[in-house]
Amino acid sequence: MSAGRSTQPGVSPGAEAKESRRGRLIVFEGIEGAGKSTQIARLLSWLEQQKVPARGIREPGTSAVGNSIRSLLLDPAHDVDARTETLLFLAARAQLVARELRDLLEAVPLVVCDRFMLSTYAYQGEGRQLGVESIRTLNSFAVNGLVPDATVLLDVDPGLGLARAANRSGADRMEAAGAEFHLRVAGAFRRFVSAEWQEEHPECGPIVRVDGSGDAELVFERVLAGLSGLLPETFNVAARS
């Protein structure tokens, strides 16, 4: 499925054809310390070597509005209500999709995004215990029909992930949310990779689990293998490189 393809009914055949020519959206997800930043950097470098134009973005962030919201959300000095937190994340996502992401998907073959809708389902739906279904309609409004072509879920033990995150300078507000919160988030992500859950939530697009433990180069080999199954036209070349 194309990243730009609308999930809404009544789209004309001409519009569908235009949508199918858009670039592909690859999302990286995972708990704190899963290694997303490391693997995204490796993937963008690999794509450059393969002469595949690509852009990396993060969510929340990328746009000026998104970066302002990111600073507010991650500042440990702020006491943010769970519903307020959810709406702020979705506001940043709506701005990213409308003012940055759709244009990027028209301009380059691949866009690699650090977090997207699955994080809201895991962190706010399950971690904050607001419920995935209560967020689903709001998220649909924010993304306006945009569906990821592939989501790579880097799966690591929560203890390992939090230990990695602790090595970074200063815990942000999300990282400091507590062990029980992060265990709920990790459990949610692991449920999301099941075929049954994905079938029930087509708005999230296809999700592939990648073991995020071990050496970064080994993890990257797993990332390429996972992506080759979802986007073979780009990533089957990995077997020949």
C-alpha atoms as a PDB file:
ATOM      1  CA  MET A   1       0.000   0.000   0.000  1.00  0.00           C
ATOM      2  CA  SER A   2       1.311   3.433  -0.884  1.00  0.00           C
ATOM      3  CA  ALA A   3       2.111   5.800   1.969  1.00  0.00           C
ATOM      4  CA  GLY A   4      -0.097   8.429   0.438  1.00  0.00           C
ATOM      5  CA  ARG A   5      -3.065   6.217  -0.387  1.00  0.00           C
ATOM      6  CA  SER A   6      -6.268   7.374   1.203  1.00  0.00           C
ATOM      7  CA  THR A   7      -8.146   4.995   3.483  1.00  0.00           C
ATOM      8  CA  GLN A   8     -11.331   6.968   2.923  1.00  0.00           C
ATOM      9  CA  PRO A   9     -14.098   5.722   0.598  1.00  0.00           C
ATOM     10  CA  GLY A  10     -15.050   7.489  -2.574  1.00  0.00           C
ATOM     11  CA  VAL A  11     -11.583   8.241  -3.897  1.00  0.00           C
ATOM     12  CA  SER A  12     -11.607   8.541  -7.672  1.00  0.00           C
ATOM     13  CA  PRO A  13      -9.462   6.157  -9.791  1.00  0.00           C
ATOM     14  CA  GLY A  14      -7.370   9.111 -10.972  1.00  0.00           C
ATOM     15  CA  ALA A  15      -6.685  10.159  -7.408  1.00  0.00           C
ATOM     16  CA  GLU A  16      -5.707   6.598  -6.497  1.00  0.00           C
ATOM     17  CA  ALA A  17      -3.248   6.483  -9.391  1.00  0.00           C
ATOM     18  CA  LYS A  18      -1.677   9.734  -8.254  1.00  0.00           C
ATOM     19  CA  GLU A  19      -1.444   8.507  -4.660  1.00  0.00           C
ATOM     20  CA  SER A  20       0.284   5.293  -5.778  1.00  0.00           C
ATOM     21  CA  ARG A  21       3.143   7.290  -7.298  1.00  0.00           C
ATOM     22  CA  ARG A  22       4.052   8.852  -3.969  1.00  0.00           C
ATOM     23  CA  GLY A  23       7.113   7.912  -1.990  1.00  0.00           C
ATOM     24  CA  ARG A  24       7.106   5.252   0.691  1.00  0.00           C
ATOM     25  CA  LEU A  25       6.851   5.983   4.403  1.00  0.00           C
ATOM     26  CA  ILE A  26       8.957   3.804   6.713  1.00  0.00           C
ATOM     27  CA  VAL A  27       8.431   4.223  10.457  1.00  0.00           C
ATOM     28  CA  PHE A  28      10.671   3.056  13.295  1.00  0.00           C
ATOM     29  CA  GLU A  29       9.057   2.304  16.645  1.00  0.00           C
ATOM     30  CA  GLY A  30      10.095   0.899  19.986  1.00  0.00           C
ATOM     31  CA  ILE A  31      10.415   1.571  23.680  1.00  0.00           C
ATOM     32  CA  GLU A  32      12.934   3.974  25.186  1.00  0.00           C
ATOM     33  CA  GLY A  33      16.468   2.777  24.402  1.00  0.00           C
ATOM     34  CA  ALA A  34      15.350   0.416  21.626  1.00  0.00           C
ATOM     35  CA  GLY A  35      17.989   1.830  19.268  1.00  0.00           C
ATOM     36  CA  LYS A  36      15.762   3.681  16.796  1.00  0.00           C
ATOM     37  CA  SER A  37      18.126   6.617  16.246  1.00  0.00           C
ATOM     38  CA  THR A  38      21.079   4.296  15.612  1.00  0.00           C
ATOM     39  CA  GLN A  39      19.201   2.126  13.127  1.00  0.00           C
ATOM     40  CA  ILE A  40      17.615   5.057  11.303  1.00  0.00           C
ATOM     41  CA  ALA A  41      21.050   6.607  10.823  1.00  0.00           C
ATOM     42  CA  ARG A  42      22.375   3.303   9.469  1.00  0.00           C
ATOM     43  CA  LEU A  43      19.407   2.906   7.134  1.00  0.00           C
ATOM     44  CA  LEU A  44      19.754   6.430   5.719  1.00  0.00           C
ATOM     45  CA  SER A  45      23.478   5.811   5.145  1.00  0.00           C
ATOM     46  CA  TRP A  46      22.724   2.485   3.435  1.00  0.00           C
ATOM     47  CA  LEU A  47      20.092   4.095   1.203  1.00  0.00           C
ATOM     48  CA  GLU A  48      22.591   6.776   0.205  1.00  0.00           C
ATOM     49  CA  GLN A  49      25.078   4.054  -0.760  1.00  0.00           C
ATOM     50  CA  GLN A  50      22.346   2.414  -2.838  1.00  0.00           C
ATOM     51  CA  LYS A  51      21.663   5.809  -4.482  1.00  0.00           C
ATOM     52  CA  VAL A  52      18.078   5.848  -3.205  1.00  0.00           C
ATOM     53  CA  PRO A  53      17.065   9.403  -2.258  1.00  0.00           C
ATOM     54  CA  ALA A  54      15.602   9.452   1.253  1.00  0.00           C
ATOM     55  CA  ARG A  55      14.845  11.858   4.077  1.00  0.00           C
ATOM     56  CA  GLY A  56      14.776  11.262   7.804  1.00  0.00           C
ATOM     57  CA  ILE A  57      12.255  12.998  10.071  1.00  0.00           C
ATOM     58  CA  ARG A  58      11.172  12.644  13.694  1.00  0.00           C
ATOM     59  CA  GLU A  59       7.836  12.831  15.415  1.00  0.00           C
ATOM     60  CA  PRO A  60       7.077  15.003  17.264  1.00  0.00           C
ATOM     61  CA  GLY A  61       9.468  17.436  15.637  1.00  0.00           C
ATOM     62  CA  THR A  62      10.764  18.299  12.153  1.00  0.00           C
ATOM     63  CA  SER A  63       8.527  21.366  11.756  1.00  0.00           C
ATOM     64  CA  ALA A  64       8.905  24.480  13.920  1.00  0.00           C
ATOM     65  CA  VAL A  65       5.506  23.803  15.472  1.00  0.00           C
ATOM     66  CA  GLY A  66       6.397  20.164  16.082  1.00  0.00           C
ATOM     67  CA  ASN A  67       9.699  21.044  17.724  1.00  0.00           C
ATOM     68  CA  SER A  68       7.974  23.518  20.039  1.00  0.00           C
ATOM     69  CA  ILE A  69       5.448  20.871  21.056  1.00  0.00           C
ATOM     70  CA  ARG A  70       8.271  18.333  21.512  1.00  0.00           C
ATOM     71  CA  SER A  71      10.104  20.653  23.900  1.00  0.00           C
ATOM     72  CA  LEU A  72       6.962  21.126  25.956  1.00  0.00           C
ATOM     73  CA  LEU A  73       6.090  17.433  26.075  1.00  0.00           C
ATOM     74  CA  LEU A  74       9.543  16.177  27.033  1.00  0.00           C
ATOM     75  CA  ASP A  75      10.404  18.826  29.623  1.00  0.00           C
ATOM     76  CA  PRO A  76      10.357  17.068  33.036  1.00  0.00           C
ATOM     77  CA  ALA A  77       9.465  20.381  34.683  1.00  0.00           C
ATOM     78  CA  HIS A  78       5.943  20.186  33.221  1.00  0.00           C
ATOM     79  CA  ASP A  79       3.106  18.238  34.864  1.00  0.00           C
ATOM     80  CA  VAL A  80       1.068  17.292  31.785  1.00  0.00           C
ATOM     81  CA  ASP A  81      -2.280  15.511  32.042  1.00  0.00           C
ATOM     82  CA  ALA A  82      -2.521  12.286  30.020  1.00  0.00           C
ATOM     83  CA  ARG A  83      -5.265  13.633  27.759  1.00  0.00           C
ATOM     84  CA  THR A  84      -3.413  16.890  27.237  1.00  0.00           C
ATOM     85  CA  GLU A  85      -0.296  14.881  26.382  1.00  0.00           C
ATOM     86  CA  THR A  86      -2.218  12.847  23.826  1.00  0.00           C
ATOM     87  CA  LEU A  87      -3.742  15.875  22.135  1.00  0.00           C
ATOM     88  CA  LEU A  88      -0.362  17.612  21.950  1.00  0.00           C
ATOM     89  CA  PHE A  89       1.245  14.586  20.288  1.00  0.00           C
ATOM     90  CA  LEU A  90      -1.634  14.433  17.807  1.00  0.00           C
ATOM     91  CA  ALA A  91      -1.419  18.172  17.121  1.00  0.00           C
ATOM     92  CA  ALA A  92       2.275  17.768  16.277  1.00  0.00           C
ATOM     93  CA  ARG A  93       1.421  14.832  14.011  1.00  0.00           C
ATOM     94  CA  ALA A  94      -1.311  16.751  12.192  1.00  0.00           C
ATOM     95  CA  GLN A  95       1.113  19.612  11.551  1.00  0.00           C
ATOM     96  CA  LEU A  96       3.837  17.236  10.355  1.00  0.00           C
ATOM     97  CA  VAL A  97       1.530  15.447   7.921  1.00  0.00           C
ATOM     98  CA  ALA A  98      -0.065  18.606   6.533  1.00  0.00           C
ATOM     99  CA  ARG A  99       2.989  20.856   6.283  1.00  0.00           C
ATOM    100  CA  GLU A 100       5.967  18.513   5.848  1.00  0.00           C
ATOM    101  CA  LEU A 101       5.348  14.834   5.277  1.00  0.00           C
ATOM    102  CA  ARG A 102       2.999  14.868   2.298  1.00  0.00           C
ATOM    103  CA  ASP A 103       5.327  17.217   0.412  1.00  0.00           C
ATOM    104  CA  LEU A 104       8.320  15.037   1.228  1.00  0.00           C
ATOM    105  CA  LEU A 105       6.518  11.942  -0.052  1.00  0.00           C
ATOM    106  CA  GLU A 106       5.959  13.739  -3.341  1.00  0.00           C
ATOM    107  CA  ALA A 107       9.620  14.745  -3.557  1.00  0.00           C
ATOM    108  CA  VAL A 108      11.626  11.640  -2.552  1.00  0.00           C
ATOM    109  CA  PRO A 109      11.140   7.856  -2.899  1.00  0.00           C
ATOM    110  CA  LEU A 110      11.566   7.117   0.821  1.00  0.00           C
ATOM    111  CA  VAL A 111      10.858   8.984   4.043  1.00  0.00           C
ATOM    112  CA  VAL A 112      12.068   7.411   7.294  1.00  0.00           C
ATOM    113  CA  CYS A 113      10.195   8.603  10.383  1.00  0.00           C
ATOM    114  CA  ASP A 114      11.272   8.206  14.004  1.00  0.00           C
ATOM    115  CA  ARG A 115       7.901   7.334  15.631  1.00  0.00           C
ATOM    116  CA  PHE A 116       4.381   7.806  14.291  1.00  0.00           C
ATOM    117  CA  MET A 117       0.872   6.705  15.221  1.00  0.00           C
ATOM    118  CA  LEU A 118       1.866   3.386  16.835  1.00  0.00           C
ATOM    119  CA  SER A 119       3.690   5.285  19.585  1.00  0.00           C
ATOM    120  CA  THR A 120       0.477   7.087  20.556  1.00  0.00           C
ATOM    121  CA  TYR A 121      -1.363   3.789  20.729  1.00  0.00           C
ATOM    122  CA  ALA A 122       1.371   2.303  22.927  1.00  0.00           C
ATOM    123  CA  TYR A 123       2.380   5.243  25.129  1.00  0.00           C
ATOM    124  CA  GLN A 124      -0.918   7.006  25.635  1.00  0.00           C
ATOM    125  CA  GLY A 125      -3.415   4.262  24.792  1.00  0.00           C
ATOM    126  CA  GLU A 126      -1.732   1.590  26.912  1.00  0.00           C
ATOM    127  CA  GLY A 127       0.986   3.330  28.927  1.00  0.00           C
ATOM    128  CA  ARG A 128      -1.311   6.116  30.142  1.00  0.00           C
ATOM    129  CA  GLN A 129      -4.241   3.653  30.086  1.00  0.00           C
ATOM    130  CA  LEU A 130      -6.499   5.833  27.955  1.00  0.00           C
ATOM    131  CA  GLY A 131      -7.354   2.944  25.622  1.00  0.00           C
ATOM    132  CA  VAL A 132      -6.313   2.500  22.000  1.00  0.00           C
ATOM    133  CA  GLU A 133      -9.835   2.815  20.662  1.00  0.00           C
ATOM    134  CA  SER A 134     -10.399   6.150  22.422  1.00  0.00           C
ATOM    135  CA  ILE A 135      -7.389   7.533  20.526  1.00  0.00           C
ATOM    136  CA  ARG A 136      -8.112   5.895  17.173  1.00  0.00           C
ATOM    137  CA  THR A 137     -10.616   8.437  15.836  1.00  0.00           C
ATOM    138  CA  LEU A 138      -8.475  11.388  16.927  1.00  0.00           C
ATOM    139  CA  ASN A 139      -5.431   9.861  15.291  1.00  0.00           C
ATOM    140  CA  SER A 140      -7.362   9.297  12.064  1.00  0.00           C
ATOM    141  CA  PHE A 141      -8.289  12.969  12.079  1.00  0.00           C
ATOM    142  CA  ALA A 142      -4.618  13.935  12.581  1.00  0.00           C
ATOM    143  CA  VAL A 143      -3.136  11.808   9.769  1.00  0.00           C
ATOM    144  CA  ASN A 144      -5.993  12.441   7.306  1.00  0.00           C
ATOM    145  CA  GLY A 145      -5.741   9.087   5.546  1.00  0.00           C
ATOM    146  CA  LEU A 146      -1.939   8.693   5.538  1.00  0.00           C
ATOM    147  CA  VAL A 147      -0.879   5.081   6.133  1.00  0.00           C
ATOM    148  CA  PRO A 148       2.740   3.954   6.691  1.00  0.00           C
ATOM    149  CA  ASP A 149       4.072   1.483   4.115  1.00  0.00           C
ATOM    150  CA  ALA A 150       6.219  -0.280   6.709  1.00  0.00           C
ATOM    151  CA  THR A 151       6.784  -0.006  10.437  1.00  0.00           C
ATOM    152  CA  VAL A 152       9.901  -1.542  11.970  1.00  0.00           C
ATOM    153  CA  LEU A 153       9.323  -2.346  15.631  1.00  0.00           C
ATOM    154  CA  LEU A 154      12.663  -2.701  17.418  1.00  0.00           C
ATOM    155  CA  ASP A 155      11.878  -5.113  20.225  1.00  0.00           C
ATOM    156  CA  VAL A 156      14.166  -5.113  23.267  1.00  0.00           C
ATOM    157  CA  ASP A 157      13.700  -6.139  26.870  1.00  0.00           C
ATOM    158  CA  PRO A 158      12.359  -3.124  28.825  1.00  0.00           C
ATOM    159  CA  GLY A 159      15.166  -3.449  31.366  1.00  0.00           C
ATOM    160  CA  LEU A 160      17.780  -3.272  28.612  1.00  0.00           C
ATOM    161  CA  GLY A 161      16.043  -0.368  26.901  1.00  0.00           C
ATOM    162  CA  LEU A 162      15.767   1.689  30.077  1.00  0.00           C
ATOM    163  CA  ALA A 163      19.391   0.930  30.943  1.00  0.00           C
ATOM    164  CA  ARG A 164      20.443   2.236  27.528  1.00  0.00           C
ATOM    165  CA  ALA A 165      18.266   5.322  27.966  1.00  0.00           C
ATOM    166  CA  ALA A 166      19.757   5.957  31.416  1.00  0.00           C
ATOM    167  CA  ASN A 167      23.192   6.294  29.811  1.00  0.00           C
ATOM    168  CA  ARG A 168      21.989   9.346  27.902  1.00  0.00           C
ATOM    169  CA  SER A 169      22.327  12.736  29.530  1.00  0.00           C
ATOM    170  CA  GLY A 170      19.237  13.553  31.594  1.00  0.00           C
ATOM    171  CA  ALA A 171      15.958  11.630  31.460  1.00  0.00           C
ATOM    172  CA  ASP A 172      13.142  13.445  29.680  1.00  0.00           C
ATOM    173  CA  ARG A 173       9.562  13.442  30.988  1.00  0.00           C
ATOM    174  CA  MET A 174       8.558  10.315  29.059  1.00  0.00           C
ATOM    175  CA  GLU A 175      11.663   8.357  30.063  1.00  0.00           C
ATOM    176  CA  ALA A 176      11.015   9.252  33.715  1.00  0.00           C
ATOM    177  CA  ALA A 177       7.435   7.924  33.677  1.00  0.00           C
ATOM    178  CA  GLY A 178       8.238   4.861  35.802  1.00  0.00           C
ATOM    179  CA  ALA A 179       8.864   1.141  35.341  1.00  0.00           C
ATOM    180  CA  GLU A 180       5.200   0.073  35.330  1.00  0.00           C
ATOM    181  CA  PHE A 181       4.407   2.587  32.600  1.00  0.00           C
ATOM    182  CA  HIS A 182       7.257   1.355  30.409  1.00  0.00           C
ATOM    183  CA  LEU A 183       6.291  -2.292  30.954  1.00  0.00           C
ATOM    184  CA  ARG A 184       2.777  -1.494  29.720  1.00  0.00           C
ATOM    185  CA  VAL A 185       4.233   0.257  26.663  1.00  0.00           C
ATOM    186  CA  ALA A 186       6.528  -2.689  25.874  1.00  0.00           C
ATOM    187  CA  GLY A 187       3.652  -5.150  26.238  1.00  0.00           C
ATOM    188  CA  ALA A 188       1.502  -3.050  23.913  1.00  0.00           C
ATOM    189  CA  PHE A 189       4.148  -2.913  21.191  1.00  0.00           C
ATOM    190  CA  ARG A 190       4.509  -6.685  21.343  1.00  0.00           C
ATOM    191  CA  ARG A 191       0.755  -7.143  20.926  1.00  0.00           C
ATOM    192  CA  PHE A 192       0.729  -4.786  17.965  1.00  0.00           C
ATOM    193  CA  VAL A 193       2.921  -7.069  15.837  1.00  0.00           C
ATOM    194  CA  SER A 194       0.391  -9.897  15.894  1.00  0.00           C
ATOM    195  CA  ALA A 195      -1.379 -10.618  12.609  1.00  0.00           C
ATOM    196  CA  GLU A 196      -4.764 -10.334  14.325  1.00  0.00           C
ATOM    197  CA  TRP A 197      -4.062  -6.862  15.742  1.00  0.00           C
ATOM    198  CA  GLN A 198      -2.712  -5.595  12.425  1.00  0.00           C
ATOM    199  CA  GLU A 199      -5.768  -6.890  10.596  1.00  0.00           C
ATOM    200  CA  GLU A 200      -7.989  -5.005  13.052  1.00  0.00           C
ATOM    201  CA  HIS A 201      -5.936  -1.794  12.704  1.00  0.00           C
ATOM    202  CA  PRO A 202      -5.198  -1.296   8.980  1.00  0.00           C
ATOM    203  CA  GLU A 203      -4.631   2.414   9.592  1.00  0.00           C
ATOM    204  CA  CYS A 204      -1.224   1.502  11.061  1.00  0.00           C
ATOM    205  CA  GLY A 205      -0.017  -0.327   7.936  1.00  0.00           C
ATOM    206  CA  PRO A 206       2.187  -3.455   8.028  1.00  0.00           C
ATOM    207  CA  ILE A 207       4.395  -3.907  11.101  1.00  0.00           C
ATOM    208  CA  VAL A 208       7.472  -6.124  11.325  1.00  0.00           C
ATOM    209  CA  ARG A 209       9.157  -7.057  14.593  1.00  0.00           C
ATOM    210  CA  VAL A 210      12.956  -6.860  14.654  1.00  0.00           C
ATOM    211  CA  ASP A 211      15.020  -8.165  17.551  1.00  0.00           C
ATOM    212  CA  GLY A 212      16.818  -5.053  18.789  1.00  0.00           C
ATOM    213  CA  SER A 213      19.259  -6.820  21.105  1.00  0.00           C
ATOM    214  CA  GLY A 214      22.920  -7.365  20.317  1.00  0.00           C
ATOM    215  CA  ASP A 215      25.459  -5.588  18.143  1.00  0.00           C
ATOM    216  CA  ALA A 216      24.133  -2.623  16.125  1.00  0.00           C
ATOM    217  CA  GLU A 217      25.399  -4.079  12.835  1.00  0.00           C
ATOM    218  CA  LEU A 218      23.633  -7.381  13.493  1.00  0.00           C
ATOM    219  CA  VAL A 219      20.426  -5.515  14.334  1.00  0.00           C
ATOM    220  CA  PHE A 220      20.742  -3.570  11.084  1.00  0.00           C
ATOM    221  CA  GLU A 221      20.997  -6.804   9.110  1.00  0.00           C
ATOM    222  CA  ARG A 222      17.721  -7.845  10.749  1.00  0.00           C
ATOM    223  CA  VAL A 223      16.191  -4.468   9.851  1.00  0.00           C
ATOM    224  CA  LEU A 224      17.077  -4.924   6.169  1.00  0.00           C
ATOM    225  CA  ALA A 225      15.718  -8.475   6.222  1.00  0.00           C
ATOM    226  CA  GLY A 226      12.452  -7.269   7.741  1.00  0.00           C
ATOM    227  CA  LEU A 227      12.084  -4.446   5.252  1.00  0.00           C
ATOM    228  CA  SER A 228      12.857  -6.732   2.305  1.00  0.00           C
ATOM    229  CA  GLY A 229       9.703  -8.656   3.145  1.00  0.00           C
ATOM    230  CA  LEU A 230       7.545  -5.515   3.121  1.00  0.00           C
ATOM    231  CA  LEU A 231       9.221  -3.417   0.393  1.00  0.00           C
ATOM    232  CA  PRO A 232      11.094  -5.911  -1.804  1.00  0.00           C
ATOM    233  CA  GLU A 233      11.445  -3.490  -4.721  1.00  0.00           C
ATOM    234  CA  THR A 234      13.903  -1.476  -2.615  1.00  0.00           C
ATOM    235  CA  PHE A 235      15.328  -3.812  -0.006  1.00  0.00           C
ATOM    236  CA  ASN A 236      15.858  -7.138  -1.767  1.00  0.00           C
ATOM    237  CA  VAL A 237      19.062  -5.544  -3.046  1.00  0.00           C
ATOM    238  CA  ALA A 238      20.416  -6.093   0.471  1.00  0.00           C
ATOM    239  CA  ALA A 239      20.970  -9.744  -0.339  1.00  0.00           C
ATOM    240  CA  ARG A 240      23.317  -8.746  -3.188  1.00  0.00           C
ATOM    241  CA  SER A 241      25.266  -6.008  -1.378  1.00  0.00           C
END
